[in-house]
Structure formats: structure tokens, C-alpha cells
PDB file of N, CA and C in Angstrom:
ATOM      1  N   MET A   1      46.205  82.813 -30.076  1.00  0.00           N
ATOM      2  CA  MET A   1      45.259  81.804 -30.720  1.00  0.00           C
ATOM      3  C   MET A   1      45.123  80.991 -29.448  1.00  0.00           C
ATOM      4  N   SER A   2      43.815  80.868 -29.654  1.00  0.00           N
ATOM      5  CA  SER A   2      43.061  80.147 -28.254  1.00  0.00           C
ATOM      6  C   SER A   2      43.174  78.675 -28.289  1.00  0.00           C
ATOM      7  N   GLU A   3      43.586  78.351 -26.623  1.00  0.00           N
ATOM      8  CA  GLU A   3      43.224  76.634 -26.445  1.00  0.00           C
ATOM      9  C   GLU A   3      41.603  75.893 -26.823  1.00  0.00           C
ATOM     10  N   TYR A   4      40.956  76.801 -26.133  1.00  0.00           N
ATOM     11  CA  TYR A   4      39.589  76.069 -25.389  1.00  0.00           C
ATOM     12  C   TYR A   4      38.579  77.235 -26.206  1.00  0.00           C
ATOM     13  N   GLU A   5      37.795  76.543 -27.036  1.00  0.00           N
ATOM     14  CA  GLU A   5      36.910  77.207 -27.714  1.00  0.00           C
ATOM     15  C   GLU A   5      35.675  76.510 -27.697  1.00  0.00           C
ATOM     16  N   CYS A   6      34.470  77.051 -27.159  1.00  0.00           N
ATOM     17  CA  CYS A   6      33.015  76.550 -26.839  1.00  0.00           C
ATOM     18  C   CYS A   6      32.734  76.257 -28.052  1.00  0.00           C
ATOM     19  N   SER A   7      32.154  74.550 -27.557  1.00  0.00           N
ATOM     20  CA  SER A   7      31.553  73.866 -28.646  1.00  0.00           C
ATOM     21  C   SER A   7      30.336  74.412 -29.422  1.00  0.00           C
ATOM     22  N   TYR A   8      29.505  75.223 -27.964  1.00  0.00           N
ATOM     23  CA  TYR A   8      27.939  75.440 -28.349  1.00  0.00           C
ATOM     24  C   TYR A   8      27.849  76.763 -28.803  1.00  0.00           C
ATOM     25  N   CYS A   9      28.856  77.269 -28.129  1.00  0.00           N
ATOM     26  CA  CYS A   9      28.757  78.869 -28.558  1.00  0.00           C
ATOM     27  C   CYS A   9      29.779  79.503 -29.593  1.00  0.00           C
ATOM     28  N   GLY A  10      30.707  79.132 -28.852  1.00  0.00           N
ATOM     29  CA  GLY A  10      31.900  79.888 -30.245  1.00  0.00           C
ATOM     30  C   GLY A  10      32.407  80.601 -29.591  1.00  0.00           C
ATOM     31  N   ASP A  11      32.489  80.868 -27.935  1.00  0.00           N
ATOM     32  CA  ASP A  11      33.086  81.319 -27.273  1.00  0.00           C
ATOM     33  C   ASP A  11      34.582  81.048 -26.984  1.00  0.00           C
ATOM     34  N   SER A  12      35.927  82.189 -27.520  1.00  0.00           N
ATOM     35  CA  SER A  12      36.871  81.379 -27.063  1.00  0.00           C
ATOM     36  C   SER A  12      38.004  81.988 -25.883  1.00  0.00           C
ATOM     37  N   PHE A  13      39.134  80.991 -25.068  1.00  0.00           N
ATOM     38  CA  PHE A  13      39.431  81.221 -24.071  1.00  0.00           C
ATOM     39  C   PHE A  13      40.976  80.846 -23.903  1.00  0.00           C
ATOM     40  N   ASP A  14      41.875  81.589 -22.858  1.00  0.00           N
ATOM     41  CA  ASP A  14      43.135  81.662 -23.447  1.00  0.00           C
ATOM     42  C   ASP A  14      43.814  80.445 -22.970  1.00  0.00           C
ATOM     43  N   ASN A  15      44.671  80.083 -23.853  1.00  0.00           N
ATOM     44  CA  ASN A  15      45.628  78.574 -22.509  1.00  0.00           C
ATOM     45  C   ASN A  15      45.365  78.675 -21.250  1.00  0.00           C
ATOM     46  N   GLU A  16      45.663  79.941 -20.906  1.00  0.00           N
ATOM     47  CA  GLU A  16      45.874  80.117 -19.070  1.00  0.00           C
ATOM     48  C   GLU A  16      44.247  79.659 -18.283  1.00  0.00           C
ATOM     49  N   ASP A  17      43.029  79.508 -19.259  1.00  0.00           N
ATOM     50  CA  ASP A  17      41.731  79.967 -19.059  1.00  0.00           C
ATOM     51  C   ASP A  17      41.082  79.640 -19.281  1.00  0.00           C
ATOM     52  N   GLU A  18      41.349  77.325 -18.781  1.00  0.00           N
ATOM     53  CA  GLU A  18      40.801  76.699 -19.160  1.00  0.00           C
ATOM     54  C   GLU A  18      39.747  76.446 -17.467  1.00  0.00           C
ATOM     55  N   LEU A  19      40.154  77.120 -16.396  1.00  0.00           N
ATOM     56  CA  LEU A  19      39.038  77.156 -15.192  1.00  0.00           C
ATOM     57  C   LEU A  19      37.919  78.012 -15.283  1.00  0.00           C
ATOM     58  N   GLU A  20      38.173  79.526 -16.399  1.00  0.00           N
ATOM     59  CA  GLU A  20      37.254  79.955 -16.561  1.00  0.00           C
ATOM     60  C   GLU A  20      36.385  79.084 -17.627  1.00  0.00           C
ATOM     61  N   TYR A  21      37.016  78.478 -18.607  1.00  0.00           N
ATOM     62  CA  TYR A  21      36.014  78.123 -20.022  1.00  0.00           C
ATOM     63  C   TYR A  21      35.309  77.157 -19.190  1.00  0.00           C
ATOM     64  N   LEU A  22      35.470  76.091 -18.129  1.00  0.00           N
ATOM     65  CA  LEU A  22      35.029  75.405 -17.058  1.00  0.00           C
ATOM     66  C   LEU A  22      33.641  75.684 -16.826  1.00  0.00           C
ATOM     67  N   GLU A  23      34.407  76.653 -16.069  1.00  0.00           N
ATOM     68  CA  GLU A  23      33.079  77.450 -15.378  1.00  0.00           C
ATOM     69  C   GLU A  23      32.228  78.237 -16.782  1.00  0.00           C
ATOM     70  N   HIS A  24      32.379  78.391 -17.692  1.00  0.00           N
ATOM     71  CA  HIS A  24      31.281  78.966 -18.656  1.00  0.00           C
ATOM     72  C   HIS A  24      30.819  77.777 -19.073  1.00  0.00           C
ATOM     73  N   LEU A  25      31.103  76.893 -19.393  1.00  0.00           N
ATOM     74  CA  LEU A  25      30.331  75.720 -19.898  1.00  0.00           C
ATOM     75  C   LEU A  25      29.170  74.899 -18.237  1.00  0.00           C
ATOM     76  N   LYS A  26      29.662  75.325 -17.083  1.00  0.00           N
ATOM     77  CA  LYS A  26      29.074  74.799 -15.936  1.00  0.00           C
ATOM     78  C   LYS A  26      27.526  76.388 -16.018  1.00  0.00           C
ATOM     79  N   GLU A  27      28.035  77.344 -16.104  1.00  0.00           N
ATOM     80  CA  GLU A  27      27.560  78.712 -16.257  1.00  0.00           C
ATOM     81  C   GLU A  27      26.202  78.786 -17.415  1.00  0.00           C
ATOM     82  N   ASN A  28      26.744  78.453 -18.580  1.00  0.00           N
ATOM     83  CA  ASN A  28      25.498  78.956 -19.665  1.00  0.00           C
ATOM     84  C   ASN A  28      25.533  77.409 -20.634  1.00  0.00           C
ATOM     85  N   HIS A  29      25.836  76.395 -19.893  1.00  0.00           N
ATOM     86  CA  HIS A  29      25.391  75.420 -21.290  1.00  0.00           C
ATOM     87  C   HIS A  29      25.171  73.835 -20.006  1.00  0.00           C
ATOM     88  N   TYR A  30      25.223  73.970 -19.014  1.00  0.00           N
ATOM     89  CA  TYR A  30      24.625  73.057 -18.323  1.00  0.00           C
ATOM     90  C   TYR A  30      23.718  72.216 -18.748  1.00  0.00           C
ATOM     91  N   ASP A  31      22.873  72.474 -19.097  1.00  0.00           N
ATOM     92  CA  ASP A  31      21.761  71.176 -19.985  1.00  0.00           C
ATOM     93  C   ASP A  31      21.806  70.590 -21.258  1.00  0.00           C
ATOM     94  N   ASP A  32      23.039  71.801 -21.785  1.00  0.00           N
ATOM     95  CA  ASP A  32      23.598  70.844 -23.147  1.00  0.00           C
ATOM     96  C   ASP A  32      24.548  69.817 -22.952  1.00  0.00           C
ATOM     97  N   LEU A  33      25.179  70.176 -21.625  1.00  0.00           N
ATOM     98  CA  LEU A  33      26.594  69.080 -21.365  1.00  0.00           C
ATOM     99  C   LEU A  33      26.460  67.680 -21.459  1.00  0.00           C
ATOM    100  N   GLY A  34      27.342  66.672 -22.054  1.00  0.00           N
ATOM    101  CA  GLY A  34      26.963  65.255 -21.658  1.00  0.00           C
ATOM    102  C   GLY A  34      27.550  64.469 -20.730  1.00  0.00           C
ATOM    103  N   ARG A  35      27.344  63.621 -20.040  1.00  0.00           N
ATOM    104  CA  ARG A  35      28.246  62.828 -18.693  1.00  0.00           C
ATOM    105  C   ARG A  35      29.693  63.602 -19.184  1.00  0.00           C
ATOM    106  N   ILE A  36      30.378  62.741 -19.994  1.00  0.00           N
ATOM    107  CA  ILE A  36      31.450  63.145 -19.946  1.00  0.00           C
ATOM    108  C   ILE A  36      32.162  64.450 -19.898  1.00  0.00           C
ATOM    109  N   ASP A  37      31.361  65.387 -20.069  1.00  0.00           N
ATOM    110  CA  ASP A  37      32.011  67.162 -20.316  1.00  0.00           C
ATOM    111  C   ASP A  37      31.820  67.249 -18.877  1.00  0.00           C
ATOM    112  N   LYS A  38      30.412  67.002 -18.153  1.00  0.00           N
ATOM    113  CA  LYS A  38      30.057  67.125 -16.538  1.00  0.00           C
ATOM    114  C   LYS A  38      31.149  66.863 -15.537  1.00  0.00           C
ATOM    115  N   LYS A  39      31.715  65.614 -16.048  1.00  0.00           N
ATOM    116  CA  LYS A  39      32.995  64.861 -15.558  1.00  0.00           C
ATOM    117  C   LYS A  39      34.066  65.273 -15.447  1.00  0.00           C
ATOM    118  N   HIS A  40      34.347  66.010 -16.873  1.00  0.00           N
ATOM    119  CA  HIS A  40      35.548  66.340 -17.083  1.00  0.00           C
ATOM    120  C   HIS A  40      35.207  67.990 -16.164  1.00  0.00           C
ATOM    121  N   ILE A  41      34.406  69.006 -15.871  1.00  0.00           N
ATOM    122  CA  ILE A  41      34.724  70.152 -15.211  1.00  0.00           C
ATOM    123  C   ILE A  41      35.019  69.577 -13.660  1.00  0.00           C
ATOM    124  N   ARG A  42      34.320  68.446 -12.986  1.00  0.00           N
ATOM    125  CA  ARG A  42      34.211  68.370 -11.282  1.00  0.00           C
ATOM    126  C   ARG A  42      35.816  67.207 -11.422  1.00  0.00           C
ATOM    127  N   GLN A  43      36.286  67.213 -12.711  1.00  0.00           N
ATOM    128  CA  GLN A  43      37.655  66.420 -11.967  1.00  0.00           C
ATOM    129  C   GLN A  43      38.830  67.479 -12.013  1.00  0.00           C
ATOM    130  N   HIS A  44      38.407  68.332 -12.948  1.00  0.00           N
ATOM    131  CA  HIS A  44      39.938  69.346 -13.515  1.00  0.00           C
ATOM    132  C   HIS A  44      39.892  70.566 -12.790  1.00  0.00           C
ATOM    133  N   SER A  45      38.446  70.971 -12.501  1.00  0.00           N
ATOM    134  CA  SER A  45      37.992  72.385 -12.062  1.00  0.00           C
ATOM    135  C   SER A  45      37.770  72.863 -10.224  1.00  0.00           C
ATOM    136  N   GLY A  46      37.370  71.518  -9.874  1.00  0.00           N
ATOM    137  CA  GLY A  46      36.939  71.426  -8.810  1.00  0.00           C
ATOM    138  C   GLY A  46      35.789  71.928  -8.617  1.00  0.00           C
ATOM    139  N   ILE A  47      35.022  72.868  -9.466  1.00  0.00           N
ATOM    140  CA  ILE A  47      33.989  73.417  -9.763  1.00  0.00           C
ATOM    141  C   ILE A  47      32.436  72.218  -9.170  1.00  0.00           C
ATOM    142  N   ARG A  48      31.593  72.124  -8.174  1.00  0.00           N
ATOM    143  CA  ARG A  48      30.330  71.594  -7.687  1.00  0.00           C
ATOM    144  C   ARG A  48      28.914  71.915  -8.995  1.00  0.00           C
ATOM    145  N   LEU A  49      29.134  70.912  -9.140  1.00  0.00           N
ATOM    146  CA  LEU A  49      27.479  71.144 -10.354  1.00  0.00           C
ATOM    147  C   LEU A  49      26.466  70.980  -9.381  1.00  0.00           C
ATOM    148  N   SER A  50      25.873  72.120  -8.538  1.00  0.00           N
ATOM    149  CA  SER A  50      24.563  71.859  -7.760  1.00  0.00           C
ATOM    150  C   SER A  50      23.851  71.300  -8.556  1.00  0.00           C
ATOM    151  N   LYS A  51      23.430  71.091 -10.260  1.00  0.00           N
ATOM    152  CA  LYS A  51      22.478  71.091 -10.490  1.00  0.00           C
ATOM    153  C   LYS A  51      22.978  69.201 -11.043  1.00  0.00           C
ATOM    154  N   ASP A  52      24.086  68.641 -10.168  1.00  0.00           N
ATOM    155  CA  ASP A  52      24.274  67.203 -10.793  1.00  0.00           C
ATOM    156  C   ASP A  52      23.382  65.898 -10.061  1.00  0.00           C
ATOM    157  N   PRO A  53      22.838  65.399 -11.001  1.00  0.00           N
ATOM    158  CA  PRO A  53      22.062  64.358 -10.320  1.00  0.00           C
ATOM    159  C   PRO A  53      22.580  63.529  -9.600  1.00  0.00           C
ATOM    160  N   THR A  54      24.117  63.259  -9.355  1.00  0.00           N
ATOM    161  CA  THR A  54      24.864  62.006  -8.907  1.00  0.00           C
ATOM    162  C   THR A  54      24.427  62.406  -7.759  1.00  0.00           C
ATOM    163  N   GLN A  55      24.559  63.677  -7.473  1.00  0.00           N
ATOM    164  CA  GLN A  55      24.748  63.907  -5.449  1.00  0.00           C
ATOM    165  C   GLN A  55      23.157  63.621  -5.090  1.00  0.00           C
ATOM    166  N   LYS A  56      22.253  64.015  -5.864  1.00  0.00           N
ATOM    167  CA  LYS A  56      20.904  63.477  -4.798  1.00  0.00           C
ATOM    168  C   LYS A  56      20.227  62.003  -5.250  1.00  0.00           C
ATOM    169  N   ASP A  57      20.946  61.480  -6.148  1.00  0.00           N
ATOM    170  CA  ASP A  57      20.817  60.057  -6.088  1.00  0.00           C
ATOM    171  C   ASP A  57      21.707  59.464  -4.955  1.00  0.00           C
ATOM    172  N   LEU A  58      22.610  60.070  -4.890  1.00  0.00           N
ATOM    173  CA  LEU A  58      23.435  59.614  -3.670  1.00  0.00           C
ATOM    174  C   LEU A  58      22.608  59.403  -2.003  1.00  0.00           C
ATOM    175  N   ILE A  59      22.331  60.763  -1.646  1.00  0.00           N
ATOM    176  CA  ILE A  59      21.210  61.047  -0.832  1.00  0.00           C
ATOM    177  C   ILE A  59      20.332  60.107  -0.652  1.00  0.00           C
ATOM    178  N   VAL A  60      19.516  59.951  -1.734  1.00  0.00           N
ATOM    179  CA  VAL A  60      18.058  59.172  -2.296  1.00  0.00           C
ATOM    180  C   VAL A  60      18.850  57.614  -1.664  1.00  0.00           C
ATOM    181  N   GLN A  61      19.574  56.775  -2.073  1.00  0.00           N
ATOM    182  CA  GLN A  61      20.141  55.906  -1.786  1.00  0.00           C
ATOM    183  C   GLN A  61      20.606  55.788  -0.423  1.00  0.00           C
ATOM    184  N   THR A  62      20.971  56.667   0.041  1.00  0.00           N
ATOM    185  CA  THR A  62      21.320  56.465   1.323  1.00  0.00           C
ATOM    186  C   THR A  62      20.093  56.331   2.774  1.00  0.00           C
ATOM    187  N   GLY A  63      19.201  57.019   1.831  1.00  0.00           N
ATOM    188  CA  GLY A  63      18.211  56.830   2.386  1.00  0.00           C
ATOM    189  C   GLY A  63      17.370  55.570   2.387  1.00  0.00           C
ATOM    190  N   ILE A  64      17.515  55.521   1.180  1.00  0.00           N
ATOM    191  CA  ILE A  64      16.306  54.081   1.189  1.00  0.00           C
ATOM    192  C   ILE A  64      16.928  52.674   2.080  1.00  0.00           C
ATOM    193  N   ILE A  65      18.271  52.777   2.387  1.00  0.00           N
ATOM    194  CA  ILE A  65      19.760  51.823   2.904  1.00  0.00           C
ATOM    195  C   ILE A  65      19.490  52.516   4.631  1.00  0.00           C
ATOM    196  N   LEU A  66      18.790  53.361   4.845  1.00  0.00           N
ATOM    197  CA  LEU A  66      18.664  53.550   6.818  1.00  0.00           C
ATOM    198  C   LEU A  66      17.373  53.188   6.772  1.00  0.00           C
ATOM    199  N   ALA A  67      16.573  53.685   6.253  1.00  0.00           N
ATOM    200  CA  ALA A  67      15.537  52.898   6.125  1.00  0.00           C
ATOM    201  C   ALA A  67      14.805  51.106   6.080  1.00  0.00           C
ATOM    202  N   GLY A  68      15.752  50.722   5.219  1.00  0.00           N
ATOM    203  CA  GLY A  68      15.854  49.390   5.479  1.00  0.00           C
ATOM    204  C   GLY A  68      16.177  48.611   6.228  1.00  0.00           C
ATOM    205  N   LEU A  69      17.606  49.440   7.313  1.00  0.00           N
ATOM    206  CA  LEU A  69      18.029  49.107   8.432  1.00  0.00           C
ATOM    207  C   LEU A  69      16.961  49.539   9.532  1.00  0.00           C
ATOM    208  N   ALA A  70      16.384  50.456   9.307  1.00  0.00           N
ATOM    209  CA  ALA A  70      15.649  50.258  10.758  1.00  0.00           C
ATOM    210  C   ALA A  70      14.488  49.762  10.109  1.00  0.00           C
ATOM    211  N   GLY A  71      13.882  49.143   9.390  1.00  0.00           N
ATOM    212  CA  GLY A  71      12.439  48.193   9.165  1.00  0.00           C
ATOM    213  C   GLY A  71      13.400  46.684   9.924  1.00  0.00           C
ATOM    214  N   THR A  72      14.657  46.390   9.356  1.00  0.00           N
ATOM    215  CA  THR A  72      14.987  45.231   9.857  1.00  0.00           C
ATOM    216  C   THR A  72      15.424  45.318  11.366  1.00  0.00           C
ATOM    217  N   VAL A  73      15.823  46.228  12.226  1.00  0.00           N
ATOM    218  CA  VAL A  73      15.770  46.150  13.009  1.00  0.00           C
ATOM    219  C   VAL A  73      14.484  46.172  14.026  1.00  0.00           C
ATOM    220  N   GLY A  74      13.793  46.973  13.252  1.00  0.00           N
ATOM    221  CA  GLY A  74      12.303  46.959  13.897  1.00  0.00           C
ATOM    222  C   GLY A  74      11.546  45.499  14.433  1.00  0.00           C
ATOM    223  N   LEU A  75      11.903  44.932  12.704  1.00  0.00           N
ATOM    224  CA  LEU A  75      11.509  43.537  12.297  1.00  0.00           C
ATOM    225  C   LEU A  75      12.210  42.478  13.863  1.00  0.00           C
ATOM    226  N   ALA A  76      13.670  42.981  13.862  1.00  0.00           N
ATOM    227  CA  ALA A  76      13.844  42.182  14.714  1.00  0.00           C
ATOM    228  C   ALA A  76      13.591  42.538  16.066  1.00  0.00           C
ATOM    229  N   VAL A  77      13.221  43.146  16.698  1.00  0.00           N
ATOM    230  CA  VAL A  77      12.971  43.820  18.090  1.00  0.00           C
ATOM    231  C   VAL A  77      11.671  42.954  18.163  1.00  0.00           C
ATOM    232  N   PHE A  78      10.607  43.816  17.381  1.00  0.00           N
ATOM    233  CA  PHE A  78       9.366  42.576  16.756  1.00  0.00           C
ATOM    234  C   PHE A  78       9.113  40.722  17.386  1.00  0.00           C
ATOM    235  N   VAL A  79      10.262  40.614  16.557  1.00  0.00           N
ATOM    236  CA  VAL A  79      10.215  38.878  16.165  1.00  0.00           C
ATOM    237  C   VAL A  79      10.938  38.542  17.740  1.00  0.00           C
ATOM    238  N   PHE A  80      11.589  38.802  18.267  1.00  0.00           N
ATOM    239  CA  PHE A  80      12.466  38.852  19.736  1.00  0.00           C
ATOM    240  C   PHE A  80      11.098  38.855  21.332  1.00  0.00           C
ATOM    241  N   VAL A  81      10.541  40.356  20.876  1.00  0.00           N
ATOM    242  CA  VAL A  81      10.308  40.603  22.339  1.00  0.00           C
ATOM    243  C   VAL A  81       8.941  39.632  22.019  1.00  0.00           C
ATOM    244  N   LEU A  82       8.278  39.241  20.964  1.00  0.00           N
ATOM    245  CA  LEU A  82       7.063  38.041  21.060  1.00  0.00           C
ATOM    246  C   LEU A  82       7.730  37.111  21.386  1.00  0.00           C
TER     247      LEU A  82
END
């Protein structure tokens, strides 16, 4: 009896194969996965989703913060020098 059955294609996985099931979801159905499925994959399997937009968002946000800090420091130097 299978505990894990893919709701996207019907493939079945044994009770011990949760990691294989999660890897199957990531490899074959990434575009169909909802936010909760992606979170489940990250939390329970240690699988990194290379297409995960939150990683890209974090990099962009960090860049914006660093650019803002650089601009603030540049403005402060400009004001105090003049």
C-alpha cells in the first residue's frame, strides 16, 4: 500500500520514499506546485528549489538596501565636505 500518491500524475511511492516523492514533485511538477507544496518540500526534505522566487527576491532586496546605504553615505559625505 502506498502512502504517497502524486495528485498531479497518479504515481505512487512507498511509505519510506517521502524524499523520492518530494523529489518527484520538484522535478516533474514544479510549475504546478502551490506555495504550500513548495514550503513542504523545503522544510521536510532539504531539497533546494533552484526556481524558488523567494531566493531571488532576497538577493534583490539586499541589493536595494545596500544601494540605499551607499547613497545615504555618499550624500552625508557630500554635505559635510561642502
